[in-house]
Amino acid sequence: MVRRRTAAVSIAAAGLLLASPALTACGSGPTHAGAAAVVGDHRITVSALQSRVDEVRTAEQKIPQGAQLVDNSGKLPSQMLSMLVQNEVIGKAARDAGVTVSAGETQQDHALALQQFGGNEAQLDQQLLAQYGVVPSGIDDFFRTNVEVNKLITQLGYQPGSDNGNAAVVAAISRTAKSLGVRINPRYGAWDSKKAIIGNATDPWVVDRTPAVTAADGSA
């Protein structure tokens, strides 16, 4: 299975209200029609979120027991929205910190994960879908965000994968989310400003994923 990321992206890591002066703090609140969430001045529409959810569900149908892998709890829309919001926030945190990620670095991170599946791209794709709801078209974004998070941890003075590093990057991302202003349509849950996730998930997407991937049989 894909090993959870030590540092975060999975804070790796957006639905949306129309941005306005009233939408300046983190949390749930009134939303504009058609918005799943708003992050800063970026509006994530319900239709965009639904398109992502549909893409994941379609991909699930192509793998064994796919329907039970990601959406067995019926919370896929909230999970996907949480990832979208997190990606927006992580991107802003990285820009503020002067962190940049090249295409080569993204490809290298992808290659490291692929090695743990013996170069079997299909198996890696299946695990990313099962664990994170990442479809093939979103894999580059997944690994780019992973690199961003690990670079942020290093810049904060910690080793990527360490408990202190994870805690530090979550705190940094949470501060960025607060400064941006996050509003979530209540239909998808409430924003947890401390964990920078939607709902009461115990494993924030943005800080659980590691660059390394463990094979489906549990071997490295």
C-alpha atoms as a PDB file:
ATOM      1  CA  MET A   1       0.000   0.000   0.000  1.00  0.00           C
ATOM      2  CA  VAL A   2       1.068   3.582  -0.416  1.00  0.00           C
ATOM      3  CA  ARG A   3       2.928   4.688   2.670  1.00  0.00           C
ATOM      4  CA  ARG A   4       1.492   7.779   4.305  1.00  0.00           C
ATOM      5  CA  ARG A   5       3.568  10.823   3.686  1.00  0.00           C
ATOM      6  CA  THR A   6       5.565  11.976   6.679  1.00  0.00           C
ATOM      7  CA  ALA A   7       5.286  15.596   6.044  1.00  0.00           C
ATOM      8  CA  ALA A   8       2.390  16.597   4.176  1.00  0.00           C
ATOM      9  CA  VAL A   9       0.719  17.082   1.145  1.00  0.00           C
ATOM     10  CA  SER A  10      -1.756  15.244   1.544  1.00  0.00           C
ATOM     11  CA  ILE A  11      -2.411  18.592   3.592  1.00  0.00           C
ATOM     12  CA  ALA A  12      -1.306  17.391  -0.161  1.00  0.00           C
ATOM     13  CA  ALA A  13      -2.730  18.570  -0.681  1.00  0.00           C
ATOM     14  CA  ALA A  14      -9.901  23.244  -1.985  1.00  0.00           C
ATOM     15  CA  GLY A  15     -14.930  23.859  -2.893  1.00  0.00           C
ATOM     16  CA  LEU A  16     -16.212  27.119  -2.871  1.00  0.00           C
ATOM     17  CA  LEU A  17     -17.803  30.386  -2.107  1.00  0.00           C
ATOM     18  CA  LEU A  18     -17.447  33.562  -3.929  1.00  0.00           C
ATOM     19  CA  ALA A  19     -14.642  35.517  -2.369  1.00  0.00           C
ATOM     20  CA  SER A  20     -15.734  38.656  -0.583  1.00  0.00           C
ATOM     21  CA  PRO A  21     -14.599  40.826   2.353  1.00  0.00           C
ATOM     22  CA  ALA A  22     -16.906  38.786   4.577  1.00  0.00           C
ATOM     23  CA  LEU A  23     -15.021  35.604   3.727  1.00  0.00           C
ATOM     24  CA  THR A  24     -11.750  36.373   5.411  1.00  0.00           C
ATOM     25  CA  ALA A  25     -11.519  33.836   8.214  1.00  0.00           C
ATOM     26  CA  CYS A  26     -11.206  30.072   8.275  1.00  0.00           C
ATOM     27  CA  GLY A  27     -14.270  27.975   8.905  1.00  0.00           C
ATOM     28  CA  SER A  28     -17.720  27.260   7.594  1.00  0.00           C
ATOM     29  CA  GLY A  29     -20.087  30.040   6.766  1.00  0.00           C
ATOM     30  CA  PRO A  30     -22.632  31.342   4.279  1.00  0.00           C
ATOM     31  CA  THR A  31     -21.801  30.295   0.759  1.00  0.00           C
ATOM     32  CA  HIS A  32     -22.757  31.556  -2.639  1.00  0.00           C
ATOM     33  CA  ALA A  33     -24.856  29.410  -4.924  1.00  0.00           C
ATOM     34  CA  GLY A  34     -22.731  26.933  -6.823  1.00  0.00           C
ATOM     35  CA  ALA A  35     -19.735  27.202  -4.478  1.00  0.00           C
ATOM     36  CA  ALA A  36     -18.287  24.277  -2.538  1.00  0.00           C
ATOM     37  CA  ALA A  37     -15.560  26.363  -0.941  1.00  0.00           C
ATOM     38  CA  VAL A  38     -13.555  29.547  -1.210  1.00  0.00           C
ATOM     39  CA  VAL A  39      -9.841  29.821  -0.530  1.00  0.00           C
ATOM     40  CA  GLY A  40      -8.650  33.403  -0.538  1.00  0.00           C
ATOM     41  CA  ASP A  41      -9.940  34.805  -3.829  1.00  0.00           C
ATOM     42  CA  HIS A  42     -10.241  31.389  -5.463  1.00  0.00           C
ATOM     43  CA  ARG A  43     -13.696  29.901  -5.763  1.00  0.00           C
ATOM     44  CA  ILE A  44     -14.077  26.122  -6.091  1.00  0.00           C
ATOM     45  CA  THR A  45     -17.412  25.355  -7.655  1.00  0.00           C
ATOM     46  CA  VAL A  46     -19.721  22.484  -6.806  1.00  0.00           C
ATOM     47  CA  SER A  47     -19.607  21.430 -10.444  1.00  0.00           C
ATOM     48  CA  ALA A  48     -15.793  21.266 -10.414  1.00  0.00           C
ATOM     49  CA  LEU A  49     -15.857  19.197  -7.255  1.00  0.00           C
ATOM     50  CA  GLN A  50     -18.506  16.865  -8.659  1.00  0.00           C
ATOM     51  CA  SER A  51     -16.415  16.402 -11.798  1.00  0.00           C
ATOM     52  CA  ARG A  52     -13.479  15.278  -9.631  1.00  0.00           C
ATOM     53  CA  VAL A  53     -15.698  12.912  -7.644  1.00  0.00           C
ATOM     54  CA  ASP A  54     -17.138  11.416 -10.835  1.00  0.00           C
ATOM     55  CA  GLU A  55     -13.634  10.914 -12.197  1.00  0.00           C
ATOM     56  CA  VAL A  56     -12.602   8.988  -9.089  1.00  0.00           C
ATOM     57  CA  ARG A  57     -15.718   6.832  -9.120  1.00  0.00           C
ATOM     58  CA  THR A  58     -15.230   6.020 -12.797  1.00  0.00           C
ATOM     59  CA  ALA A  59     -11.621   5.010 -12.130  1.00  0.00           C
ATOM     60  CA  GLU A  60     -12.715   2.846  -9.192  1.00  0.00           C
ATOM     61  CA  GLN A  61     -14.943   0.794 -11.431  1.00  0.00           C
ATOM     62  CA  LYS A  62     -11.911  -0.330 -13.440  1.00  0.00           C
ATOM     63  CA  ILE A  63     -10.106  -2.027 -10.569  1.00  0.00           C
ATOM     64  CA  PRO A  64     -11.048  -5.007  -8.344  1.00  0.00           C
ATOM     65  CA  GLN A  65     -13.294  -4.006  -5.439  1.00  0.00           C
ATOM     66  CA  GLY A  66     -12.782  -0.413  -6.488  1.00  0.00           C
ATOM     67  CA  ALA A  67     -16.128   0.773  -5.169  1.00  0.00           C
ATOM     68  CA  GLN A  68     -15.049  -0.131  -1.640  1.00  0.00           C
ATOM     69  CA  LEU A  69     -11.588   1.392  -1.819  1.00  0.00           C
ATOM     70  CA  VAL A  70     -12.196   5.124  -1.637  1.00  0.00           C
ATOM     71  CA  ASP A  71     -15.889   5.753  -1.227  1.00  0.00           C
ATOM     72  CA  ASN A  72     -16.917   3.020   1.194  1.00  0.00           C
ATOM     73  CA  SER A  73     -17.900   5.649   3.752  1.00  0.00           C
ATOM     74  CA  GLY A  74     -19.903   7.805   1.346  1.00  0.00           C
ATOM     75  CA  LYS A  75     -17.681  10.765   2.201  1.00  0.00           C
ATOM     76  CA  LEU A  76     -15.799  11.008  -1.066  1.00  0.00           C
ATOM     77  CA  PRO A  77     -17.030  14.546  -1.928  1.00  0.00           C
ATOM     78  CA  SER A  78     -15.766  15.900   1.407  1.00  0.00           C
ATOM     79  CA  GLN A  79     -12.481  14.032   1.051  1.00  0.00           C
ATOM     80  CA  MET A  80     -11.920  15.380  -2.435  1.00  0.00           C
ATOM     81  CA  LEU A  81     -12.834  18.906  -1.399  1.00  0.00           C
ATOM     82  CA  SER A  82     -10.445  18.717   1.532  1.00  0.00           C
ATOM     83  CA  MET A  83      -7.618  17.769  -0.841  1.00  0.00           C
ATOM     84  CA  LEU A  84      -8.488  20.565  -3.235  1.00  0.00           C
ATOM     85  CA  VAL A  85      -8.480  23.136  -0.449  1.00  0.00           C
ATOM     86  CA  GLN A  86      -5.256  21.774   0.991  1.00  0.00           C
ATOM     87  CA  ASN A  87      -3.534  21.963  -2.380  1.00  0.00           C
ATOM     88  CA  GLU A  88      -4.497  25.628  -2.665  1.00  0.00           C
ATOM     89  CA  VAL A  89      -3.174  26.390   0.796  1.00  0.00           C
ATOM     90  CA  ILE A  90       0.048  24.410   0.370  1.00  0.00           C
ATOM     91  CA  GLY A  91       0.728  26.140  -2.916  1.00  0.00           C
ATOM     92  CA  LYS A  92       0.378  29.551  -1.239  1.00  0.00           C
ATOM     93  CA  ALA A  93       2.575  28.494   1.687  1.00  0.00           C
ATOM     94  CA  ALA A  94       5.241  27.317  -0.745  1.00  0.00           C
ATOM     95  CA  ARG A  95       5.135  30.550  -2.749  1.00  0.00           C
ATOM     96  CA  ASP A  96       5.367  32.640   0.412  1.00  0.00           C
ATOM     97  CA  ALA A  97       8.407  30.625   1.478  1.00  0.00           C
ATOM     98  CA  GLY A  98      10.050  30.947  -1.907  1.00  0.00           C
ATOM     99  CA  VAL A  99       9.766  27.207  -2.525  1.00  0.00           C
ATOM    100  CA  THR A 100       9.660  26.123  -6.136  1.00  0.00           C
ATOM    101  CA  VAL A 101       9.357  22.628  -7.606  1.00  0.00           C
ATOM    102  CA  SER A 102      10.655  21.687 -11.033  1.00  0.00           C
ATOM    103  CA  ALA A 103       9.181  19.118 -13.371  1.00  0.00           C
ATOM    104  CA  GLY A 104      12.328  17.076 -12.857  1.00  0.00           C
ATOM    105  CA  GLU A 105      11.862  17.006  -9.079  1.00  0.00           C
ATOM    106  CA  THR A 106       8.266  15.923  -9.501  1.00  0.00           C
ATOM    107  CA  GLN A 107       9.305  13.141 -11.846  1.00  0.00           C
ATOM    108  CA  GLN A 108      12.042  12.014  -9.472  1.00  0.00           C
ATOM    109  CA  ASP A 109       9.591  11.771  -6.567  1.00  0.00           C
ATOM    110  CA  HIS A 110       7.233   9.785  -8.793  1.00  0.00           C
ATOM    111  CA  ALA A 111      10.079   7.489  -9.842  1.00  0.00           C
ATOM    112  CA  LEU A 112      11.041   6.797  -6.226  1.00  0.00           C
ATOM    113  CA  ALA A 113       7.502   5.688  -5.464  1.00  0.00           C
ATOM    114  CA  LEU A 114       7.346   3.627  -8.646  1.00  0.00           C
ATOM    115  CA  GLN A 115      10.511   1.736  -7.694  1.00  0.00           C
ATOM    116  CA  GLN A 116       8.710   0.271  -4.716  1.00  0.00           C
ATOM    117  CA  PHE A 117       6.260  -1.365  -7.077  1.00  0.00           C
ATOM    118  CA  GLY A 118       8.984  -2.810  -9.252  1.00  0.00           C
ATOM    119  CA  GLY A 119       8.276  -0.259 -11.958  1.00  0.00           C
ATOM    120  CA  ASN A 120       4.648  -1.395 -12.233  1.00  0.00           C
ATOM    121  CA  GLU A 121       2.887   1.886 -13.037  1.00  0.00           C
ATOM    122  CA  ALA A 122      -0.564   0.278 -13.026  1.00  0.00           C
ATOM    123  CA  GLN A 123      -0.084  -1.030  -9.497  1.00  0.00           C
ATOM    124  CA  LEU A 124       1.130   2.345  -8.251  1.00  0.00           C
ATOM    125  CA  ASP A 125      -1.821   4.075  -9.906  1.00  0.00           C
ATOM    126  CA  GLN A 126      -4.200   1.641  -8.224  1.00  0.00           C
ATOM    127  CA  GLN A 127      -2.708   2.272  -4.802  1.00  0.00           C
ATOM    128  CA  LEU A 128      -2.818   6.050  -5.219  1.00  0.00           C
ATOM    129  CA  LEU A 129      -6.466   5.768  -6.194  1.00  0.00           C
ATOM    130  CA  ALA A 130      -7.289   3.444  -3.313  1.00  0.00           C
ATOM    131  CA  GLN A 131      -5.428   5.398  -0.651  1.00  0.00           C
ATOM    132  CA  TYR A 132      -5.937   8.990  -1.734  1.00  0.00           C
ATOM    133  CA  GLY A 133      -8.518   9.084  -4.480  1.00  0.00           C
ATOM    134  CA  VAL A 134      -5.827  10.214  -6.923  1.00  0.00           C
ATOM    135  CA  VAL A 135      -6.701   9.457 -10.551  1.00  0.00           C
ATOM    136  CA  PRO A 136      -4.007   9.104 -13.251  1.00  0.00           C
ATOM    137  CA  SER A 137      -4.549  12.652 -14.510  1.00  0.00           C
ATOM    138  CA  GLY A 138      -3.812  13.987 -11.015  1.00  0.00           C
ATOM    139  CA  ILE A 139      -0.645  12.011 -10.274  1.00  0.00           C
ATOM    140  CA  ASP A 140       1.783  14.764 -11.316  1.00  0.00           C
ATOM    141  CA  ASP A 141      -0.004  17.231  -9.032  1.00  0.00           C
ATOM    142  CA  PHE A 142       0.146  14.693  -6.199  1.00  0.00           C
ATOM    143  CA  PHE A 143       3.911  14.271  -6.402  1.00  0.00           C
ATOM    144  CA  ARG A 144       4.572  17.968  -7.010  1.00  0.00           C
ATOM    145  CA  THR A 145       2.680  18.807  -3.832  1.00  0.00           C
ATOM    146  CA  ASN A 146       4.594  16.079  -2.002  1.00  0.00           C
ATOM    147  CA  VAL A 147       7.865  17.707  -3.001  1.00  0.00           C
ATOM    148  CA  GLU A 148       6.560  21.135  -1.965  1.00  0.00           C
ATOM    149  CA  VAL A 149       5.673  19.867   1.490  1.00  0.00           C
ATOM    150  CA  ASN A 150       8.999  18.158   2.033  1.00  0.00           C
ATOM    151  CA  LYS A 151      10.841  21.287   0.925  1.00  0.00           C
ATOM    152  CA  LEU A 152       8.777  23.348   3.347  1.00  0.00           C
ATOM    153  CA  ILE A 153       9.690  20.972   6.175  1.00  0.00           C
ATOM    154  CA  THR A 154      13.374  21.232   5.314  1.00  0.00           C
ATOM    155  CA  GLN A 155      13.142  25.017   5.208  1.00  0.00           C
ATOM    156  CA  LEU A 156      11.568  24.962   8.659  1.00  0.00           C
ATOM    157  CA  GLY A 157      14.673  23.174   9.909  1.00  0.00           C
ATOM    158  CA  TYR A 158      13.361  19.637  10.202  1.00  0.00           C
ATOM    159  CA  GLN A 159      13.899  16.311   8.531  1.00  0.00           C
ATOM    160  CA  PRO A 160      11.064  15.303   6.177  1.00  0.00           C
ATOM    161  CA  GLY A 161       9.248  12.381   7.721  1.00  0.00           C
ATOM    162  CA  SER A 162      10.017  13.325  11.323  1.00  0.00           C
ATOM    163  CA  ASP A 163       7.224  13.901  13.835  1.00  0.00           C
ATOM    164  CA  ASN A 164       8.532  17.401  14.590  1.00  0.00           C
ATOM    165  CA  GLY A 165       8.726  18.171  10.894  1.00  0.00           C
ATOM    166  CA  ASN A 166       5.165  17.044  10.325  1.00  0.00           C
ATOM    167  CA  ALA A 167       3.889  19.109  13.250  1.00  0.00           C
ATOM    168  CA  ALA A 168       5.807  22.177  12.078  1.00  0.00           C
ATOM    169  CA  VAL A 169       4.540  22.026   8.506  1.00  0.00           C
ATOM    170  CA  VAL A 170       0.944  21.467   9.619  1.00  0.00           C
ATOM    171  CA  ALA A 171       1.227  24.541  11.839  1.00  0.00           C
ATOM    172  CA  ALA A 172       2.690  26.554   8.963  1.00  0.00           C
ATOM    173  CA  ILE A 173      -0.013  25.436   6.566  1.00  0.00           C
ATOM    174  CA  SER A 174      -2.691  26.200   9.133  1.00  0.00           C
ATOM    175  CA  ARG A 175      -1.335  29.741   9.507  1.00  0.00           C
ATOM    176  CA  THR A 176      -1.417  30.177   5.752  1.00  0.00           C
ATOM    177  CA  ALA A 177      -5.002  28.918   5.605  1.00  0.00           C
ATOM    178  CA  LYS A 178      -5.977  31.411   8.285  1.00  0.00           C
ATOM    179  CA  SER A 179      -4.336  34.306   6.478  1.00  0.00           C
ATOM    180  CA  LEU A 180      -5.974  33.331   3.185  1.00  0.00           C
ATOM    181  CA  GLY A 181      -9.415  32.754   4.588  1.00  0.00           C
ATOM    182  CA  VAL A 182     -11.147  29.438   3.966  1.00  0.00           C
ATOM    183  CA  ARG A 183     -14.903  29.004   3.701  1.00  0.00           C
ATOM    184  CA  ILE A 184     -16.520  25.604   3.253  1.00  0.00           C
ATOM    185  CA  ASN A 185     -20.076  24.954   2.141  1.00  0.00           C
ATOM    186  CA  PRO A 186     -21.646  23.299   5.247  1.00  0.00           C
ATOM    187  CA  ARG A 187     -23.011  20.563   3.038  1.00  0.00           C
ATOM    188  CA  TYR A 188     -19.453  19.147   2.871  1.00  0.00           C
ATOM    189  CA  GLY A 189     -18.546  19.559   6.527  1.00  0.00           C
ATOM    190  CA  ALA A 190     -16.617  22.057   8.620  1.00  0.00           C
ATOM    191  CA  TRP A 191     -13.056  23.298   8.273  1.00  0.00           C
ATOM    192  CA  ASP A 192     -10.698  22.217  11.075  1.00  0.00           C
ATOM    193  CA  SER A 193      -8.269  25.126  11.277  1.00  0.00           C
ATOM    194  CA  LYS A 194      -5.753  23.232  13.439  1.00  0.00           C
ATOM    195  CA  LYS A 195      -5.452  20.200  11.157  1.00  0.00           C
ATOM    196  CA  ALA A 196      -6.211  22.099   7.946  1.00  0.00           C
ATOM    197  CA  ILE A 197      -8.745  19.522   6.836  1.00  0.00           C
ATOM    198  CA  ILE A 198     -12.494  19.235   6.406  1.00  0.00           C
ATOM    199  CA  GLY A 199     -14.279  17.211   9.041  1.00  0.00           C
ATOM    200  CA  ASN A 200     -12.893  15.073  11.837  1.00  0.00           C
ATOM    201  CA  ALA A 201     -10.489  12.906   9.874  1.00  0.00           C
ATOM    202  CA  THR A 202      -7.725  11.560  12.064  1.00  0.00           C
ATOM    203  CA  ASP A 203      -5.155  11.438   9.251  1.00  0.00           C
ATOM    204  CA  PRO A 204      -4.831  14.806   7.520  1.00  0.00           C
ATOM    205  CA  TRP A 205      -4.137  14.178   3.842  1.00  0.00           C
ATOM    206  CA  VAL A 206      -1.590  16.912   3.690  1.00  0.00           C
ATOM    207  CA  VAL A 207       0.705  15.487   6.334  1.00  0.00           C
ATOM    208  CA  ASP A 208       0.315  11.752   6.033  1.00  0.00           C
ATOM    209  CA  ARG A 209       1.827  10.946   2.698  1.00  0.00           C
ATOM    210  CA  THR A 210       5.481  10.022   2.283  1.00  0.00           C
ATOM    211  CA  PRO A 211       7.508   9.942  -0.912  1.00  0.00           C
ATOM    212  CA  ALA A 212       8.104   6.252  -0.367  1.00  0.00           C
ATOM    213  CA  VAL A 213       5.511   3.662  -1.304  1.00  0.00           C
ATOM    214  CA  THR A 214       5.124   0.211   0.146  1.00  0.00           C
ATOM    215  CA  ALA A 215       4.094  -2.659  -2.075  1.00  0.00           C
ATOM    216  CA  ALA A 216       0.592  -4.000  -1.783  1.00  0.00           C
ATOM    217  CA  ASP A 217       1.830  -7.145  -0.026  1.00  0.00           C
ATOM    218  CA  GLY A 218       3.461  -5.027   2.651  1.00  0.00           C
ATOM    219  CA  SER A 219       7.009  -5.437   1.393  1.00  0.00           C
ATOM    220  CA  ALA A 220       9.183  -2.454   0.647  1.00  0.00           C
END
